[in-house]
Amino acid sequence: MSIVLVGTSHKTAPVEVRERLAFAEPRLADALRELVDREIISEGMIVSTCNRVELIAATPNGFRQPDHALSRLHDFLKRFHDCDPATLQKHCYNLDGQAAIRHVFRVTSSLDSMVVGEPQITGQVKEAFQRAQEAAVVGHKLTRLMNRAFAVAKRVRNETGIGSSAVSISFVAVELARKVFEELKGSAVMLLGAGEMAELAAKHLLNYGANRLLIVNRTFENAAALAQEMNGQPVPSEEFEKVLPEADILICSTGAPNYLVHADHVRRALERRRNRPMLFVDISVPRNVDPAIGRLDNAFLFDVDDLESISEANRSMREREAMRAEEIIEAEAELFVRALAEGDLNAVIGAFHQHVSEIALLELERSRKRLGDLNEDQEQALRVMINSIVNKFTHPVIKQLRESEDGHSPYLSAWRDLYHREPRE
């Protein structure tokens, strides 16, 4: 079996190239069926996300020209997207065999992602595989590869800490909130200002269980527009202190040059909340939340430097865990390649053993007249004897095949050519 892969990603191409090569959902099924020509490409799937476009394919049994298969994938991309060949040559990577298998394992395990350890890519690869199944363009080969890839991704996640800590500012805010509060379900988030990073943090908090969003902006119309977009509640800036006690989490991101949230504001809010804790995340530069708030009981304050240091520490930890994950993937890729070779070897051995058995049984039928009538016990004993002879005859050959170092040795190839049989997979 040969696995081939052609792709481009955030590491090799700018967004305008990735956009050009992306596959829209309505055209994906047609693209998959066009990709798999059954002659050079026997199975195929397409992974198309904002950060990567990859064609993963298998070649037919007995096909030994991966360069031709890679050229076929390039031709498909060029034709389907009406793309300049020079662009593909510049921005695409070409992989086959163990290198392609290793890459599939790395992508599925989120080691090739822009944020290493992010969980979304595994689901995206699973969805791509499902779309290929629905289009009836995957069979035993890619099914075997992808099932192993998903198992490897699960092993990486279970055996390393690659996805355990947030590495983006917005996700760090979520991580802090989950530490301060036992659960986010039912909590209220106040967004002060309209910074993009703060908006993203608020969205993540809502996704993790917060069910109320209060939006305060110097311009009420802007607050109302954002509230409509995010299903939140706009609050006039002059009512900020009045509404503050309702917020469990405040995320601040404005361009104001001074403090907008003072210790007295928070002290009065905590009194009205009966000292239920509050979390303040100040992403503003310069800071808009008075640092003195962090010294109040039940008030937890983090500014952008705190978030950056947590993010950097988490990133360093993930990099260490990624090294462990790479070791797992390398070992798994080698095992998978050996398993493929062993499967090929077993097919040849099975064909050889079956062929010898057929010869022996044919000779038995030719000798029926001379053997005369046999009772059931005699018939059974004769077949046991023939099976034993076949096993003794085939054993030295099978032993020699087993001692071949891989499934593509000249010795094995000669036996495959002798029997004119493709491996049964």
Protein backbone atom coordinates (compact mmCIF):
# COMPACT_ATOMS: atom_id res chain seq x y z
CA MET A 1 0.00 0.00 0.00
CA SER A 2 1.24 3.53 -0.75
CA ILE A 3 -0.10 6.62 1.02
CA VAL A 4 0.51 9.95 -0.72
CA LEU A 5 -0.25 13.49 0.38
CA VAL A 6 -0.15 16.94 -1.17
CA GLY A 7 -0.97 19.95 0.96
CA THR A 8 -0.47 23.55 1.93
CA SER A 9 -0.84 25.14 5.36
CA HIS A 10 -0.27 28.27 7.42
CA LYS A 11 3.39 27.25 7.51
CA THR A 12 3.88 27.25 3.74
CA ALA A 13 1.35 29.65 2.23
CA PRO A 14 -0.28 33.03 2.99
CA VAL A 15 -4.00 33.20 3.53
CA GLU A 16 -4.71 34.38 -0.03
CA VAL A 17 -3.21 31.15 -1.40
CA ARG A 18 -5.04 28.96 1.13
CA GLU A 19 -8.28 30.72 0.22
CA ARG A 20 -7.67 30.01 -3.45
CA LEU A 21 -7.13 26.29 -2.81
CA ALA A 22 -9.93 25.80 -0.26
CA PHE A 23 -12.84 23.48 -1.03
CA ALA A 24 -16.28 24.90 -0.32
CA GLU A 25 -18.74 22.48 1.24
CA PRO A 26 -21.21 22.48 -1.70
CA ARG A 27 -18.47 21.35 -4.13
CA LEU A 28 -16.69 18.91 -1.83
CA ALA A 29 -18.48 15.74 -2.88
CA ASP A 30 -17.87 16.45 -6.57
CA ALA A 31 -14.23 17.26 -5.81
CA LEU A 32 -13.75 13.96 -3.98
CA ARG A 33 -15.22 11.95 -6.83
CA GLU A 34 -13.04 13.79 -9.33
CA LEU A 35 -9.96 13.24 -7.17
CA VAL A 36 -10.30 9.45 -7.11
CA ASP A 37 -9.77 8.13 -10.64
CA ARG A 38 -9.45 4.45 -9.52
CA GLU A 39 -6.37 4.03 -11.71
CA ILE A 40 -3.65 6.07 -10.01
CA ILE A 41 -5.65 7.16 -6.95
CA SER A 42 -7.82 4.40 -5.49
CA GLU A 43 -8.99 6.24 -2.36
CA GLY A 44 -8.91 9.86 -1.28
CA MET A 45 -10.04 12.50 1.19
CA ILE A 46 -9.73 16.28 1.45
CA VAL A 47 -9.00 18.23 4.62
CA SER A 48 -9.91 21.88 4.05
CA THR A 49 -9.79 24.34 6.96
CA CYS A 50 -8.83 27.98 7.38
CA ASN A 51 -5.23 26.95 8.10
CA ARG A 52 -4.66 24.05 5.69
CA VAL A 53 -5.76 22.24 2.53
CA GLU A 54 -4.55 18.66 2.19
CA LEU A 55 -5.26 15.82 -0.20
CA ILE A 56 -4.68 12.41 1.42
CA ALA A 57 -4.79 9.47 -0.97
CA ALA A 58 -4.02 5.78 -1.37
CA THR A 59 -2.81 4.12 -4.55
CA PRO A 60 -4.05 0.77 -5.92
CA ASN A 61 -2.50 -2.54 -4.86
CA GLY A 62 0.72 -3.15 -6.71
CA PHE A 63 1.16 0.52 -7.67
CA ARG A 64 4.82 1.40 -7.13
CA GLN A 65 5.10 4.93 -8.55
CA PRO A 66 4.37 7.47 -5.79
CA ASP A 67 5.74 10.30 -7.96
CA HIS A 68 3.00 9.63 -10.51
CA ALA A 69 0.40 9.69 -7.76
CA LEU A 70 1.72 12.99 -6.38
CA SER A 71 1.65 14.46 -9.91
CA ARG A 72 -1.95 13.30 -10.21
CA LEU A 73 -2.85 15.20 -7.03
CA HIS A 74 -1.11 18.34 -8.30
CA ASP A 75 -2.95 18.07 -11.62
CA PHE A 76 -6.24 17.74 -9.78
CA LEU A 77 -5.59 20.88 -7.71
CA LYS A 78 -4.49 22.82 -10.78
CA ARG A 79 -7.55 21.75 -12.78
CA PHE A 80 -10.18 22.05 -10.03
CA HIS A 81 -9.07 25.51 -8.88
CA ASP A 82 -7.70 26.74 -12.21
CA CYS A 83 -4.47 27.39 -10.36
CA ASP A 84 -1.04 28.36 -11.62
CA PRO A 85 1.33 25.33 -11.38
CA ALA A 86 4.09 27.62 -10.12
CA THR A 87 1.92 28.57 -7.14
CA LEU A 88 1.42 24.91 -6.25
CA GLN A 89 5.11 24.21 -6.67
CA LYS A 90 6.03 27.09 -4.37
CA HIS A 91 3.51 26.59 -1.58
CA CYS A 92 2.68 22.86 -1.52
CA TYR A 93 4.47 19.98 0.19
CA ASN A 94 4.55 16.45 -1.24
CA LEU A 95 4.80 13.38 1.00
CA ASP A 96 4.53 9.64 0.50
CA GLY A 97 4.95 6.46 2.49
CA GLN A 98 6.04 6.81 6.11
CA ALA A 99 6.51 10.58 5.79
CA ALA A 100 2.88 10.96 4.70
CA ILE A 101 1.66 8.67 7.48
CA ARG A 102 3.66 10.59 10.08
CA HIS A 103 2.24 13.89 8.80
CA VAL A 104 -1.34 12.61 9.02
CA PHE A 105 -0.70 11.52 12.62
CA ARG A 106 0.87 14.92 13.47
CA VAL A 107 -1.97 16.93 11.93
CA THR A 108 -4.68 14.83 13.60
CA SER A 109 -2.87 15.11 16.95
CA SER A 110 -2.62 18.94 16.61
CA LEU A 111 1.18 19.02 16.45
CA ASP A 112 1.08 20.87 13.12
CA SER A 113 -1.52 23.42 14.19
CA MET A 114 -0.97 27.16 14.53
CA VAL A 115 -1.74 26.71 18.25
CA VAL A 116 -0.16 23.37 19.12
CA GLY A 117 -2.57 21.23 21.14
CA GLU A 118 -5.78 22.94 20.06
CA PRO A 119 -8.57 20.34 19.95
CA GLN A 120 -10.52 21.55 16.90
CA ILE A 121 -8.33 19.93 14.24
CA THR A 122 -9.09 16.36 15.30
CA GLY A 123 -12.78 17.02 14.80
CA GLN A 124 -12.11 18.70 11.46
CA VAL A 125 -10.13 15.69 10.22
CA LYS A 126 -12.89 13.34 11.41
CA GLU A 127 -15.43 15.41 9.50
CA ALA A 128 -13.26 15.31 6.36
CA PHE A 129 -13.03 11.53 6.64
CA GLN A 130 -16.79 11.28 7.10
CA ARG A 131 -17.38 13.38 3.98
CA ALA A 132 -15.10 11.08 2.00
CA GLN A 133 -17.01 8.05 3.32
CA GLU A 134 -20.30 9.63 2.27
CA ALA A 135 -18.87 10.19 -1.21
CA ALA A 136 -17.82 6.51 -1.31
CA VAL A 137 -14.19 7.32 -2.12
CA VAL A 138 -12.48 5.65 0.85
CA GLY A 139 -12.01 1.95 1.44
CA HIS A 140 -9.95 -0.33 3.61
CA LYS A 141 -6.65 1.53 3.18
CA LEU A 142 -7.62 5.04 4.25
CA THR A 143 -10.05 3.67 6.83
CA ARG A 144 -7.20 1.77 8.39
CA LEU A 145 -4.95 4.85 8.28
CA MET A 146 -7.48 7.28 9.71
CA ASN A 147 -8.68 4.95 12.47
CA ARG A 148 -5.07 4.66 13.56
CA ALA A 149 -4.61 8.45 13.29
CA PHE A 150 -7.57 9.05 15.61
CA ALA A 151 -6.23 6.46 18.05
CA VAL A 152 -2.81 8.15 18.00
CA ALA A 153 -4.42 11.57 18.62
CA LYS A 154 -6.27 10.13 21.61
CA ARG A 155 -3.06 8.58 22.94
CA VAL A 156 -1.19 11.90 22.56
CA ARG A 157 -3.94 13.76 24.41
CA ASN A 158 -4.12 11.14 27.19
CA GLU A 159 -0.38 10.61 27.67
CA THR A 160 0.87 14.20 27.34
CA GLY A 161 -0.24 17.59 28.59
CA ILE A 162 -0.21 19.10 25.14
CA GLY A 163 -3.77 20.41 25.37
CA SER A 164 -4.10 20.95 29.10
CA SER A 165 -3.25 24.66 29.34
CA ALA A 166 -4.45 27.71 27.44
CA VAL A 167 -1.98 29.46 25.18
CA SER A 168 -4.04 32.34 23.76
CA ILE A 169 -4.99 35.38 25.81
CA SER A 170 -8.70 34.75 25.30
CA PHE A 171 -8.46 31.15 26.43
CA VAL A 172 -6.31 32.12 29.42
CA ALA A 173 -9.21 34.31 30.54
CA VAL A 174 -11.51 31.29 30.36
CA GLU A 175 -8.98 29.17 32.26
CA LEU A 176 -8.74 31.79 35.04
CA ALA A 177 -12.52 32.08 35.28
CA ARG A 178 -12.86 28.32 35.64
CA LYS A 179 -10.36 28.42 38.52
CA VAL A 180 -12.07 31.28 40.34
CA PHE A 181 -15.60 29.89 39.95
CA GLU A 182 -16.53 26.26 40.48
CA GLU A 183 -18.47 26.41 37.24
CA LEU A 184 -19.28 29.07 34.66
CA LYS A 185 -22.85 27.93 34.13
CA GLY A 186 -25.21 30.77 34.94
CA SER A 187 -22.49 33.37 35.40
CA ALA A 188 -22.67 36.91 34.02
CA VAL A 189 -19.91 38.56 31.96
CA MET A 190 -19.48 42.31 31.60
CA LEU A 191 -17.56 43.57 28.59
CA LEU A 192 -16.18 47.07 29.11
CA GLY A 193 -15.04 48.44 25.75
CA ALA A 194 -15.00 46.73 22.37
CA GLY A 195 -11.50 45.37 21.92
CA GLU A 196 -11.31 42.37 19.61
CA MET A 197 -9.43 40.20 22.13
CA ALA A 198 -11.94 41.02 24.88
CA GLU A 199 -14.83 40.15 22.57
CA LEU A 200 -13.21 36.82 21.78
CA ALA A 201 -12.69 36.09 25.49
CA ALA A 202 -16.33 36.91 26.16
CA LYS A 203 -17.43 34.54 23.38
CA HIS A 204 -15.31 31.75 24.85
CA LEU A 205 -16.80 32.34 28.30
CA LEU A 206 -20.31 32.13 26.86
CA ASN A 207 -19.38 28.91 25.08
CA TYR A 208 -18.19 27.48 28.40
CA GLY A 209 -21.43 28.16 30.24
CA ALA A 210 -21.81 31.87 31.00
CA ASN A 211 -25.36 32.78 30.05
CA ARG A 212 -25.51 36.56 30.35
CA LEU A 213 -23.45 39.26 28.63
CA LEU A 214 -23.52 42.92 29.66
CA ILE A 215 -21.84 45.35 27.24
CA VAL A 216 -20.70 48.81 28.29
CA ASN A 217 -19.23 51.25 25.80
CA ARG A 218 -18.61 54.97 25.82
CA THR A 219 -20.84 55.16 22.72
CA PHE A 220 -24.13 53.46 23.53
CA GLU A 221 -24.91 52.82 19.84
CA ASN A 222 -21.73 50.73 19.56
CA ALA A 223 -22.69 48.80 22.68
CA ALA A 224 -26.16 48.16 21.26
CA ALA A 225 -24.78 46.97 17.92
CA LEU A 226 -22.35 44.57 19.59
CA ALA A 227 -25.06 43.38 21.97
CA GLN A 228 -27.28 42.52 19.03
CA GLU A 229 -24.44 40.61 17.38
CA MET A 230 -23.53 38.68 20.52
CA ASN A 231 -27.03 38.32 22.01
CA GLY A 232 -26.06 40.54 24.95
CA GLN A 233 -27.51 43.46 26.89
CA PRO A 234 -26.24 47.03 26.22
CA VAL A 235 -25.61 49.18 29.26
CA PRO A 236 -25.23 53.01 29.13
CA SER A 237 -21.82 54.03 30.47
CA GLU A 238 -23.41 56.25 33.15
CA GLU A 239 -25.10 53.14 34.61
CA PHE A 240 -21.87 51.14 34.80
CA GLU A 241 -21.48 51.28 38.60
CA LYS A 242 -25.16 50.50 39.14
CA VAL A 243 -24.95 47.32 37.03
CA LEU A 244 -21.44 46.24 38.10
CA PRO A 245 -22.63 44.04 41.03
CA GLU A 246 -24.50 41.86 38.54
CA ALA A 247 -21.23 40.86 36.82
CA ASP A 248 -19.24 37.84 37.96
CA ILE A 249 -16.52 38.49 35.37
CA LEU A 250 -15.47 41.85 33.94
CA ILE A 251 -13.29 42.00 30.83
CA CYS A 252 -11.94 45.43 30.06
CA SER A 253 -10.41 46.54 26.75
CA THR A 254 -10.63 50.24 25.91
CA GLY A 255 -8.36 52.98 24.62
CA ALA A 256 -8.88 55.20 27.65
CA PRO A 257 -5.69 56.71 29.12
CA ASN A 258 -6.69 56.23 32.79
CA TYR A 259 -8.47 53.93 35.25
CA LEU A 260 -12.16 53.38 34.55
CA VAL A 261 -12.77 50.83 37.29
CA HIS A 262 -11.70 51.95 40.76
CA ALA A 263 -11.35 50.14 44.07
CA ASP A 264 -14.37 51.99 45.54
CA HIS A 265 -16.54 50.77 42.65
CA VAL A 266 -15.59 47.18 43.37
CA ARG A 267 -15.78 47.48 47.17
CA ARG A 268 -19.40 48.67 46.92
CA ALA A 269 -20.20 45.98 44.32
CA LEU A 270 -18.80 43.24 46.57
CA GLU A 271 -20.93 44.49 49.47
CA ARG A 272 -24.05 44.26 47.30
CA ARG A 273 -22.95 40.80 46.13
CA ARG A 274 -22.46 39.70 49.76
CA ASN A 275 -18.81 39.11 48.96
CA ARG A 276 -19.40 36.61 46.19
CA PRO A 277 -16.12 36.63 44.20
CA MET A 278 -15.50 38.74 41.10
CA LEU A 279 -12.88 38.27 38.39
CA PHE A 280 -11.38 41.27 36.55
CA VAL A 281 -9.41 40.76 33.32
CA ASP A 282 -7.79 44.00 32.12
CA ILE A 283 -6.48 43.68 28.55
CA SER A 284 -6.16 47.46 28.12
CA VAL A 285 -2.85 49.20 27.57
CA PRO A 286 -2.57 51.51 29.42
CA ARG A 287 -4.46 49.70 32.17
CA ASN A 288 -8.07 50.71 32.86
CA VAL A 289 -8.62 48.73 36.07
CA ASP A 290 -7.01 50.09 39.25
CA PRO A 291 -4.36 47.57 40.51
CA ALA A 292 -5.55 48.26 44.07
CA ILE A 293 -8.62 46.16 43.28
CA GLY A 294 -6.44 43.06 43.38
CA ARG A 295 -5.82 43.64 47.10
CA LEU A 296 -9.53 43.43 47.96
CA ASP A 297 -10.89 40.21 49.40
CA ASN A 298 -12.81 38.13 46.83
CA ALA A 299 -11.60 40.33 43.96
CA PHE A 300 -9.24 38.64 41.49
CA LEU A 301 -7.45 40.94 39.04
CA PHE A 302 -5.23 40.03 36.09
CA ASP A 303 -3.77 42.50 33.62
CA VAL A 304 -2.34 41.88 30.15
CA ASP A 305 1.17 41.15 31.50
CA ASP A 306 -0.25 38.52 33.84
CA LEU A 307 -2.10 36.93 30.95
CA GLU A 308 0.97 37.02 28.72
CA SER A 309 3.17 35.40 31.38
CA ILE A 310 0.59 32.65 31.98
CA SER A 311 0.23 32.17 28.24
CA GLU A 312 4.00 31.99 27.75
CA ALA A 313 4.45 29.53 30.62
CA ASN A 314 1.68 27.38 29.17
CA ARG A 315 3.24 27.65 25.72
CA SER A 316 6.61 26.49 27.04
CA MET A 317 4.93 23.60 28.81
CA ARG A 318 3.13 22.64 25.63
CA GLU A 319 6.38 22.72 23.70
CA ARG A 320 7.91 20.27 26.18
CA GLU A 321 4.84 18.06 25.95
CA ALA A 322 4.97 18.34 22.16
CA MET A 323 8.41 16.73 22.21
CA ARG A 324 6.92 13.75 24.04
CA ALA A 325 4.07 13.68 21.55
CA GLU A 326 6.53 13.66 18.63
CA GLU A 327 8.20 10.56 20.10
CA ILE A 328 4.81 8.83 20.33
CA ILE A 329 3.95 9.74 16.74
CA GLU A 330 7.32 8.61 15.36
CA ALA A 331 6.97 5.22 17.06
CA GLU A 332 3.35 4.87 15.92
CA ALA A 333 4.27 5.73 12.31
CA GLU A 334 6.99 3.08 12.28
CA LEU A 335 4.63 0.50 13.78
CA PHE A 336 1.96 1.33 11.22
CA VAL A 337 4.38 0.97 8.31
CA ARG A 338 5.53 -2.38 9.67
CA ALA A 339 1.92 -3.45 10.12
CA LEU A 340 1.21 -2.55 6.49
CA ALA A 341 4.21 -4.58 5.35
CA GLU A 342 3.16 -7.49 7.56
CA GLY A 343 -0.35 -7.35 6.14
CA ASP A 344 1.12 -7.52 2.63
CA LEU A 345 3.34 -10.41 3.70
CA ASN A 346 0.43 -12.33 5.20
CA ALA A 347 -1.49 -11.97 1.95
CA VAL A 348 1.38 -13.51 -0.06
CA ILE A 349 1.81 -16.32 2.47
CA GLY A 350 -1.92 -17.02 2.40
CA ALA A 351 -1.94 -17.15 -1.39
CA PHE A 352 1.06 -19.51 -1.43
CA HIS A 353 -0.40 -21.84 1.21
CA GLN A 354 -3.77 -21.90 -0.51
CA HIS A 355 -2.16 -22.68 -3.86
CA VAL A 356 -0.23 -25.68 -2.45
CA SER A 357 -3.36 -26.91 -0.65
CA GLU A 358 -5.34 -26.73 -3.90
CA ILE A 359 -2.66 -28.81 -5.68
CA ALA A 360 -2.71 -31.47 -2.93
CA LEU A 361 -6.51 -31.71 -2.88
CA LEU A 362 -6.62 -31.93 -6.69
CA GLU A 363 -4.21 -34.89 -6.57
CA LEU A 364 -6.43 -36.51 -3.94
CA GLU A 365 -9.45 -36.28 -6.23
CA ARG A 366 -7.45 -37.77 -9.12
CA SER A 367 -6.58 -40.78 -6.91
CA ARG A 368 -10.13 -41.48 -5.76
CA LYS A 369 -10.61 -44.53 -8.00
CA ARG A 370 -7.45 -46.22 -6.73
CA LEU A 371 -8.30 -45.48 -3.10
CA GLY A 372 -11.69 -47.15 -3.32
CA ASP A 373 -14.53 -46.42 -0.94
CA LEU A 374 -13.41 -44.68 2.27
CA ASN A 375 -15.42 -44.46 5.45
CA GLU A 376 -15.75 -41.18 7.34
CA ASP A 377 -12.81 -41.82 9.69
CA GLN A 378 -10.52 -42.79 6.80
CA GLU A 379 -11.54 -39.71 4.83
CA GLN A 380 -10.81 -37.50 7.84
CA ALA A 381 -7.44 -39.13 8.48
CA LEU A 382 -6.45 -38.69 4.83
CA ARG A 383 -7.27 -34.98 4.89
CA VAL A 384 -5.35 -34.49 8.14
CA MET A 385 -2.34 -36.18 6.55
CA ILE A 386 -2.55 -34.00 3.42
CA ASN A 387 -2.83 -30.85 5.53
CA SER A 388 0.22 -31.90 7.54
CA ILE A 389 2.25 -32.51 4.38
CA VAL A 390 1.23 -29.11 2.98
CA ASN A 391 2.30 -27.40 6.23
CA LYS A 392 5.66 -29.19 6.28
CA PHE A 393 6.28 -28.36 2.61
CA THR A 394 5.37 -24.68 2.94
CA HIS A 395 7.06 -24.03 6.29
CA PRO A 396 10.63 -23.40 4.98
CA VAL A 397 9.34 -20.98 2.33
CA ILE A 398 7.16 -19.15 4.82
CA LYS A 399 10.09 -18.94 7.23
CA GLN A 400 12.22 -17.36 4.51
CA LEU A 401 9.47 -14.85 3.70
CA ARG A 402 9.09 -13.98 7.38
CA GLU A 403 12.80 -13.31 7.60
CA SER A 404 12.53 -10.71 4.83
CA GLU A 405 13.14 -7.36 6.45
CA ASP A 406 10.14 -5.62 4.94
CA GLY A 407 7.14 -6.24 2.77
CA HIS A 408 8.80 -4.83 -0.35
CA SER A 409 11.91 -7.03 -0.46
CA PRO A 410 12.93 -8.51 -3.86
CA TYR A 411 12.28 -11.98 -2.42
CA LEU A 412 8.70 -11.12 -1.54
CA SER A 413 8.16 -9.30 -4.83
CA ALA A 414 9.31 -12.41 -6.71
CA TRP A 415 6.76 -14.54 -4.91
CA ARG A 416 4.00 -12.04 -5.63
CA ASP A 417 4.95 -12.04 -9.30
CA LEU A 418 5.05 -15.85 -9.31
CA TYR A 419 1.49 -16.15 -8.08
CA HIS A 420 0.13 -13.13 -9.93
CA ARG A 421 -1.96 -12.26 -6.87
CA GLU A 422 -2.37 -8.89 -5.23
CA PRO A 423 -2.39 -8.73 -1.41
CA ARG A 424 -5.83 -9.27 0.02
CA GLU A 425 -6.54 -6.34 2.37
